[in-house]
Amino acid sequence: MYNGSTLNEFLLLAFANTWELHVLYFLLFLGIYLAALLGNGLIITAIACDHRLHTPMYFFLLNLSVLDLGTISTTVPKSMANSLRDTRVISYLGCVAQTFLFVFFFGGEYCLLTVMAYDRYIAICKTLHYEILMGTRACLKMAAAAWGSGFLNALLHTGNTFLIPLCQGNTVDQFFCEVPQILKLSCSDSYLREVELLAVSAFLVFGCFIFIVLSYVQIFTAVLRIPSEQGRHKAFSMCLPHLAVVSLFVSTGTFAYLRPASISSPALDLVVAVLYSVVPPAVNPLIYSMRNKELKDALRKVISRTFFSTGNIAIALHK
């Protein structure tokens, strides 16, 4: 019999049984993690340093990059360390912290994507009122609401999950600690309260999704009414990156949590978890910078300044 007061550690799902495959997974995760750090770090630096990008759209994009860094940093470094050391262990407090941070960043990102849909709706459908409705104070309040919603959601789920007695051992069938997998370790009748909380969260998630869909229905209706092709192209360029990120985020998350139990297996669960928790934070910077000329110009300046400064330092040291 196990419970929260006697458990000192959990055992996470191993990627492989051989040392060579452990090293391979370590290198794969390291590459993805470095790509996420570089991509999101460049976007944060470019937006912070270029005054032309000090607009609501880029302010929310900066927040999204910070949340992406938090999401991937919560799960991947521990998994890489375990692969390199050929172990599966995570401490009880480490598992609690990982669960809290993942739900916090993941939930905050979804709320922020909803806010960004509202920003795009105002920019295209209420253009004359954009500066009034999306002023500095309003943007700060909406960003704070997204972060606060993620924090409150994480606090409720983490506290509720780890207060439930765990009677089914300490092996988590996932490469990081997540609520559904920990609930599988609970006593048969004790997880109902958390299931109810998950149902409430699912209802709120569905509400945000409907809001995003309705926003884009009105956005595309307005865009198709724009007489000039150049104007339509500019409007689509503003919206398509956000829509692509939302689609990636929602599709992977939906498949992870709502797929039928008949097609579930530890190997598939592992692949799906990587798709929704690791891939989006690494891919999002590429999606946003691909069709955005202003952001690409700002990124080029950041990269050129970095190499120019590095070159000057090297020359000075050589002299």
Protein backbone atom coordinates (compact mmCIF):
# COMPACT_ATOMS: atom_id res chain seq x y z
CA MET A 1 0.00 0.00 0.00
CA TYR A 2 1.36 3.40 -1.04
CA ASN A 3 0.18 6.88 -0.19
CA GLY A 4 1.36 10.45 -0.57
CA SER A 5 2.91 10.54 2.89
CA THR A 6 5.10 7.46 2.45
CA LEU A 7 6.15 7.84 -1.19
CA ASN A 8 9.63 9.28 -1.61
CA GLU A 9 9.96 8.89 -5.36
CA PHE A 10 8.24 7.92 -8.60
CA LEU A 11 9.51 5.84 -11.51
CA LEU A 12 9.02 7.43 -14.92
CA LEU A 13 8.60 5.59 -18.21
CA ALA A 14 11.92 4.62 -19.76
CA PHE A 15 12.55 5.42 -23.43
CA ALA A 16 14.60 2.28 -24.08
CA ASN A 17 16.34 -0.68 -22.47
CA THR A 18 19.81 -0.25 -23.92
CA TRP A 19 22.49 2.36 -23.21
CA GLU A 20 22.94 3.17 -26.92
CA LEU A 21 19.25 4.05 -27.34
CA HIS A 22 19.33 6.10 -24.14
CA VAL A 23 22.16 8.16 -25.65
CA LEU A 24 20.24 8.48 -28.93
CA TYR A 25 17.14 9.80 -27.14
CA PHE A 26 19.33 12.14 -25.10
CA LEU A 27 20.85 13.62 -28.27
CA LEU A 28 17.43 13.88 -29.95
CA PHE A 29 15.91 15.69 -26.97
CA LEU A 30 19.00 17.87 -26.65
CA GLY A 31 18.64 18.98 -30.27
CA ILE A 32 14.95 19.78 -29.85
CA TYR A 33 15.57 21.57 -26.56
CA LEU A 34 18.40 23.70 -27.97
CA ALA A 35 16.22 24.57 -30.99
CA ALA A 36 13.42 25.67 -28.65
CA LEU A 37 15.83 27.73 -26.51
CA LEU A 38 17.37 29.37 -29.56
CA GLY A 39 14.12 30.06 -31.40
CA ASN A 40 12.14 31.39 -28.46
CA GLY A 41 15.17 33.24 -27.07
CA LEU A 42 15.69 35.03 -30.39
CA ILE A 43 12.01 36.02 -30.58
CA ILE A 44 12.04 37.36 -27.01
CA THR A 45 15.25 39.33 -27.68
CA ALA A 46 14.05 40.68 -31.02
CA ILE A 47 10.72 41.88 -29.62
CA ALA A 48 12.32 43.39 -26.53
CA CYS A 49 15.03 45.24 -28.48
CA ASP A 50 13.12 46.46 -31.55
CA HIS A 51 10.79 49.38 -30.73
CA ARG A 52 8.80 48.71 -33.93
CA LEU A 53 7.62 45.43 -32.39
CA HIS A 54 6.30 47.06 -29.22
CA THR A 55 2.69 46.39 -30.23
CA PRO A 56 -0.01 44.20 -28.63
CA MET A 57 0.47 41.36 -31.13
CA TYR A 58 4.20 41.07 -30.43
CA PHE A 59 3.73 41.64 -26.71
CA PHE A 60 1.52 38.55 -26.58
CA LEU A 61 3.97 36.66 -28.81
CA LEU A 62 6.76 37.46 -26.33
CA ASN A 63 4.62 36.05 -23.52
CA LEU A 64 3.92 32.95 -25.63
CA SER A 65 7.64 32.38 -26.14
CA VAL A 66 8.26 32.65 -22.39
CA LEU A 67 5.51 30.10 -21.74
CA ASP A 68 6.94 27.81 -24.44
CA LEU A 69 10.35 27.94 -22.77
CA GLY A 70 8.74 27.14 -19.43
CA THR A 71 6.76 24.20 -20.84
CA ILE A 72 9.69 22.47 -22.51
CA SER A 73 12.11 23.25 -19.65
CA THR A 74 9.78 21.57 -17.17
CA THR A 75 9.91 18.15 -18.82
CA VAL A 76 12.86 17.76 -21.18
CA PRO A 77 15.93 18.47 -18.96
CA LYS A 78 14.87 15.88 -16.37
CA SER A 79 14.17 13.35 -19.11
CA MET A 80 17.58 14.00 -20.69
CA ALA A 81 19.33 13.61 -17.34
CA ASN A 82 17.52 10.33 -16.68
CA SER A 83 18.44 9.01 -20.14
CA LEU A 84 22.10 9.91 -19.70
CA ARG A 85 22.25 8.38 -16.21
CA ASP A 86 20.15 5.35 -17.26
CA THR A 87 17.61 5.86 -14.47
CA ARG A 88 13.86 6.40 -14.16
CA VAL A 89 13.67 8.02 -10.74
CA ILE A 90 12.11 11.37 -9.89
CA SER A 91 11.63 12.50 -6.30
CA TYR A 92 8.15 12.97 -4.84
CA LEU A 93 8.64 16.75 -4.50
CA GLY A 94 10.19 16.85 -7.97
CA CYS A 95 7.12 15.14 -9.38
CA VAL A 96 4.83 17.60 -7.58
CA ALA A 97 6.84 20.55 -8.93
CA GLN A 98 6.91 19.12 -12.46
CA THR A 99 3.14 18.53 -12.44
CA PHE A 100 2.44 22.03 -11.16
CA LEU A 101 4.78 23.79 -13.61
CA PHE A 102 3.60 21.81 -16.63
CA VAL A 103 -0.10 22.48 -15.93
CA PHE A 104 0.76 26.13 -15.18
CA PHE A 105 2.66 26.78 -18.42
CA PHE A 106 0.41 24.58 -20.57
CA GLY A 107 -2.80 26.15 -19.25
CA GLY A 108 -1.36 29.67 -19.43
CA GLU A 109 -0.36 29.11 -23.06
CA TYR A 110 -3.87 28.01 -24.03
CA CYS A 111 -5.40 31.06 -22.32
CA LEU A 112 -2.86 33.30 -24.05
CA LEU A 113 -3.69 31.80 -27.45
CA THR A 114 -7.34 32.68 -26.74
CA VAL A 115 -6.32 36.26 -25.92
CA MET A 116 -4.26 36.42 -29.13
CA ALA A 117 -7.33 35.35 -31.13
CA TYR A 118 -9.23 38.25 -29.56
CA ASP A 119 -6.37 40.60 -30.48
CA ARG A 120 -6.50 39.47 -34.12
CA TYR A 121 -10.31 39.86 -34.13
CA ILE A 122 -10.09 43.45 -32.87
CA ALA A 123 -7.24 44.28 -35.29
CA ILE A 124 -9.20 43.14 -38.36
CA CYS A 125 -12.88 43.50 -37.46
CA LYS A 126 -12.69 46.58 -35.17
CA THR A 127 -9.72 48.35 -36.73
CA LEU A 128 -10.83 51.90 -35.84
CA HIS A 129 -11.17 50.98 -32.17
CA TYR A 130 -7.99 48.89 -31.94
CA GLU A 131 -5.85 51.43 -30.07
CA ILE A 132 -8.61 52.04 -27.53
CA LEU A 133 -9.55 48.41 -26.93
CA MET A 134 -5.96 47.10 -27.01
CA GLY A 135 -4.20 49.80 -25.04
CA THR A 136 -1.22 49.12 -22.79
CA ARG A 137 -3.31 48.64 -19.67
CA ALA A 138 -5.76 46.30 -21.41
CA CYS A 139 -2.90 44.18 -22.81
CA LEU A 140 -1.26 43.91 -19.39
CA LYS A 141 -4.55 42.87 -17.82
CA MET A 142 -5.19 40.21 -20.46
CA ALA A 143 -1.67 38.82 -20.19
CA ALA A 144 -1.94 38.78 -16.40
CA ALA A 145 -5.30 37.00 -16.67
CA ALA A 146 -3.73 34.30 -18.88
CA TRP A 147 -0.83 33.76 -16.49
CA GLY A 148 -3.14 33.90 -13.46
CA SER A 149 -5.56 31.38 -14.99
CA GLY A 150 -2.69 28.98 -15.60
CA PHE A 151 -1.43 29.41 -12.04
CA LEU A 152 -4.85 28.88 -10.46
CA ASN A 153 -5.53 25.86 -12.67
CA ALA A 154 -2.16 24.33 -11.77
CA LEU A 155 -2.68 25.00 -8.06
CA LEU A 156 -6.08 23.31 -8.01
CA HIS A 157 -5.08 20.26 -10.06
CA THR A 158 -1.73 19.68 -8.38
CA GLY A 159 -3.09 20.08 -4.87
CA ASN A 160 -6.10 17.89 -5.57
CA THR A 161 -4.07 15.18 -7.34
CA PHE A 162 -1.42 14.72 -4.67
CA LEU A 163 -3.93 14.77 -1.81
CA ILE A 164 -5.48 11.60 -3.24
CA PRO A 165 -4.16 8.35 -1.66
CA LEU A 166 -2.00 6.38 -4.09
CA CYS A 167 -2.58 2.64 -3.80
CA GLN A 168 -1.32 1.33 -7.15
CA GLY A 169 2.44 1.65 -6.75
CA ASN A 170 4.73 4.48 -7.85
CA THR A 171 5.35 3.76 -11.56
CA VAL A 172 4.17 6.58 -13.83
CA ASP A 173 3.52 5.44 -17.42
CA GLN A 174 4.91 8.63 -18.91
CA PHE A 175 8.31 10.32 -19.32
CA PHE A 176 7.18 13.15 -17.01
CA CYS A 177 4.67 13.53 -14.20
CA GLU A 178 1.23 14.42 -15.55
CA VAL A 179 -2.14 14.36 -13.82
CA PRO A 180 -3.92 11.56 -15.80
CA GLN A 181 -1.04 9.13 -15.28
CA ILE A 182 -0.77 9.88 -11.56
CA LEU A 183 -4.53 9.37 -11.19
CA LYS A 184 -4.03 5.81 -12.45
CA LEU A 185 -2.08 5.16 -9.24
CA SER A 186 -4.91 6.34 -6.99
CA CYS A 187 -7.34 4.23 -5.00
CA SER A 188 -10.42 3.21 -6.96
CA ASP A 189 -12.91 5.57 -5.30
CA SER A 190 -10.69 8.46 -4.28
CA TYR A 191 -10.04 10.16 -7.64
CA LEU A 192 -13.64 11.20 -8.34
CA ARG A 193 -13.09 14.71 -6.98
CA GLU A 194 -10.16 15.27 -9.35
CA VAL A 195 -12.18 13.82 -12.24
CA GLU A 196 -14.88 16.41 -11.52
CA LEU A 197 -12.25 19.16 -11.52
CA LEU A 198 -10.89 17.84 -14.82
CA ALA A 199 -14.42 17.95 -16.25
CA VAL A 200 -14.76 21.62 -15.23
CA SER A 201 -11.39 22.40 -16.82
CA ALA A 202 -12.41 20.54 -19.98
CA PHE A 203 -15.59 22.66 -20.14
CA LEU A 204 -13.50 25.86 -19.86
CA VAL A 205 -11.07 24.60 -22.49
CA PHE A 206 -13.98 23.88 -24.82
CA GLY A 207 -15.36 27.36 -24.16
CA CYS A 208 -12.01 28.94 -25.12
CA PHE A 209 -11.90 26.78 -28.25
CA ILE A 210 -15.41 27.92 -29.30
CA PHE A 211 -14.34 31.54 -28.70
CA ILE A 212 -11.30 31.07 -30.95
CA VAL A 213 -13.39 29.41 -33.68
CA LEU A 214 -16.06 32.14 -33.61
CA SER A 215 -13.36 34.83 -33.68
CA TYR A 216 -11.81 33.34 -36.79
CA VAL A 217 -15.17 32.90 -38.50
CA GLN A 218 -15.71 36.65 -38.14
CA ILE A 219 -12.08 37.39 -39.07
CA PHE A 220 -12.22 35.41 -42.32
CA THR A 221 -15.63 36.89 -43.15
CA ALA A 222 -14.16 40.38 -42.78
CA VAL A 223 -10.97 39.51 -44.69
CA LEU A 224 -12.91 38.15 -47.68
CA ARG A 225 -14.72 41.49 -47.88
CA ILE A 226 -11.44 43.42 -48.29
CA PRO A 227 -11.41 44.63 -51.93
CA SER A 228 -7.66 44.62 -52.54
CA GLU A 229 -5.65 41.42 -52.86
CA GLN A 230 -2.72 43.04 -51.04
CA GLY A 231 -4.96 43.87 -48.08
CA ARG A 232 -6.30 40.32 -47.91
CA HIS A 233 -2.77 38.92 -48.09
CA LYS A 234 -1.60 41.16 -45.24
CA ALA A 235 -4.57 40.19 -43.08
CA PHE A 236 -4.03 36.48 -43.71
CA SER A 237 -0.32 36.86 -42.93
CA MET A 238 -1.26 38.31 -39.54
CA CYS A 239 -3.66 35.48 -38.71
CA LEU A 240 -2.30 32.29 -40.28
CA PRO A 241 0.70 31.84 -37.93
CA HIS A 242 -1.53 32.12 -34.88
CA LEU A 243 -4.09 29.79 -36.43
CA ALA A 244 -1.35 27.24 -37.23
CA VAL A 245 -0.05 27.35 -33.64
CA VAL A 246 -3.57 26.95 -32.24
CA SER A 247 -4.23 24.02 -34.58
CA LEU A 248 -1.00 22.29 -33.55
CA PHE A 249 -1.64 22.93 -29.86
CA VAL A 250 -5.30 21.82 -29.90
CA SER A 251 -4.88 18.80 -32.21
CA THR A 252 -1.99 17.25 -30.28
CA GLY A 253 -3.55 17.99 -26.89
CA THR A 254 -6.95 16.65 -27.97
CA PHE A 255 -5.47 13.43 -29.33
CA ALA A 256 -3.40 13.01 -26.17
CA TYR A 257 -6.32 13.29 -23.75
CA LEU A 258 -9.43 12.35 -25.72
CA ARG A 259 -8.37 9.43 -27.91
CA PRO A 260 -10.19 6.12 -27.30
CA ALA A 261 -8.72 3.83 -24.63
CA SER A 262 -8.70 1.00 -27.18
CA ILE A 263 -5.80 2.60 -29.07
CA SER A 264 -3.81 3.45 -25.96
CA SER A 265 -0.47 1.84 -25.16
CA PRO A 266 2.66 2.94 -23.28
CA ALA A 267 4.61 3.41 -26.53
CA LEU A 268 1.81 5.43 -28.17
CA ASP A 269 1.28 7.46 -24.99
CA LEU A 270 4.98 8.31 -25.05
CA VAL A 271 4.95 9.43 -28.69
CA VAL A 272 1.78 11.49 -28.20
CA ALA A 273 3.19 13.13 -25.06
CA VAL A 274 6.30 14.18 -26.99
CA LEU A 275 4.09 15.58 -29.77
CA TYR A 276 2.00 17.81 -27.51
CA SER A 277 4.56 18.77 -24.83
CA VAL A 278 7.89 18.95 -26.69
CA VAL A 279 7.25 19.63 -30.38
CA PRO A 280 5.03 22.79 -30.20
CA PRO A 281 7.48 24.88 -28.10
CA ALA A 282 10.24 24.07 -30.59
CA VAL A 283 8.12 24.63 -33.72
CA ASN A 284 6.15 27.75 -32.68
CA PRO A 285 9.05 30.21 -33.29
CA LEU A 286 9.50 28.84 -36.80
CA ILE A 287 5.77 29.14 -37.54
CA TYR A 288 5.59 32.75 -36.36
CA SER A 289 8.75 33.92 -38.12
CA MET A 290 8.11 32.21 -41.46
CA ARG A 291 5.51 34.65 -42.88
CA ASN A 292 6.23 37.70 -40.72
CA LYS A 293 8.53 40.21 -42.46
CA GLU A 294 8.81 42.56 -39.47
CA LEU A 295 9.81 39.75 -37.15
CA LYS A 296 12.27 38.30 -39.66
CA ASP A 297 13.92 41.72 -40.07
CA ALA A 298 14.20 42.09 -36.30
CA LEU A 299 15.67 38.60 -35.98
CA ARG A 300 18.25 39.36 -38.67
CA LYS A 301 19.31 42.47 -36.75
CA VAL A 302 19.66 40.50 -33.51
CA ILE A 303 21.70 37.78 -35.21
CA SER A 304 23.91 40.26 -37.08
CA ARG A 305 24.55 42.27 -33.91
CA THR A 306 25.41 39.09 -32.04
CA PHE A 307 27.92 37.96 -34.66
CA PHE A 308 29.29 41.50 -35.05
CA SER A 309 29.83 41.83 -31.29
CA THR A 310 31.38 38.36 -31.12
CA GLY A 311 33.69 39.21 -34.01
CA ASN A 312 34.80 42.46 -32.35
CA ILE A 313 35.52 40.64 -29.09
CA ALA A 314 37.54 37.99 -30.95
CA ILE A 315 39.54 40.68 -32.77
CA ALA A 316 40.20 42.55 -29.52
CA LEU A 317 41.35 39.36 -27.81
CA HIS A 318 43.59 38.50 -30.77
CA LYS A 319 45.24 41.92 -30.58
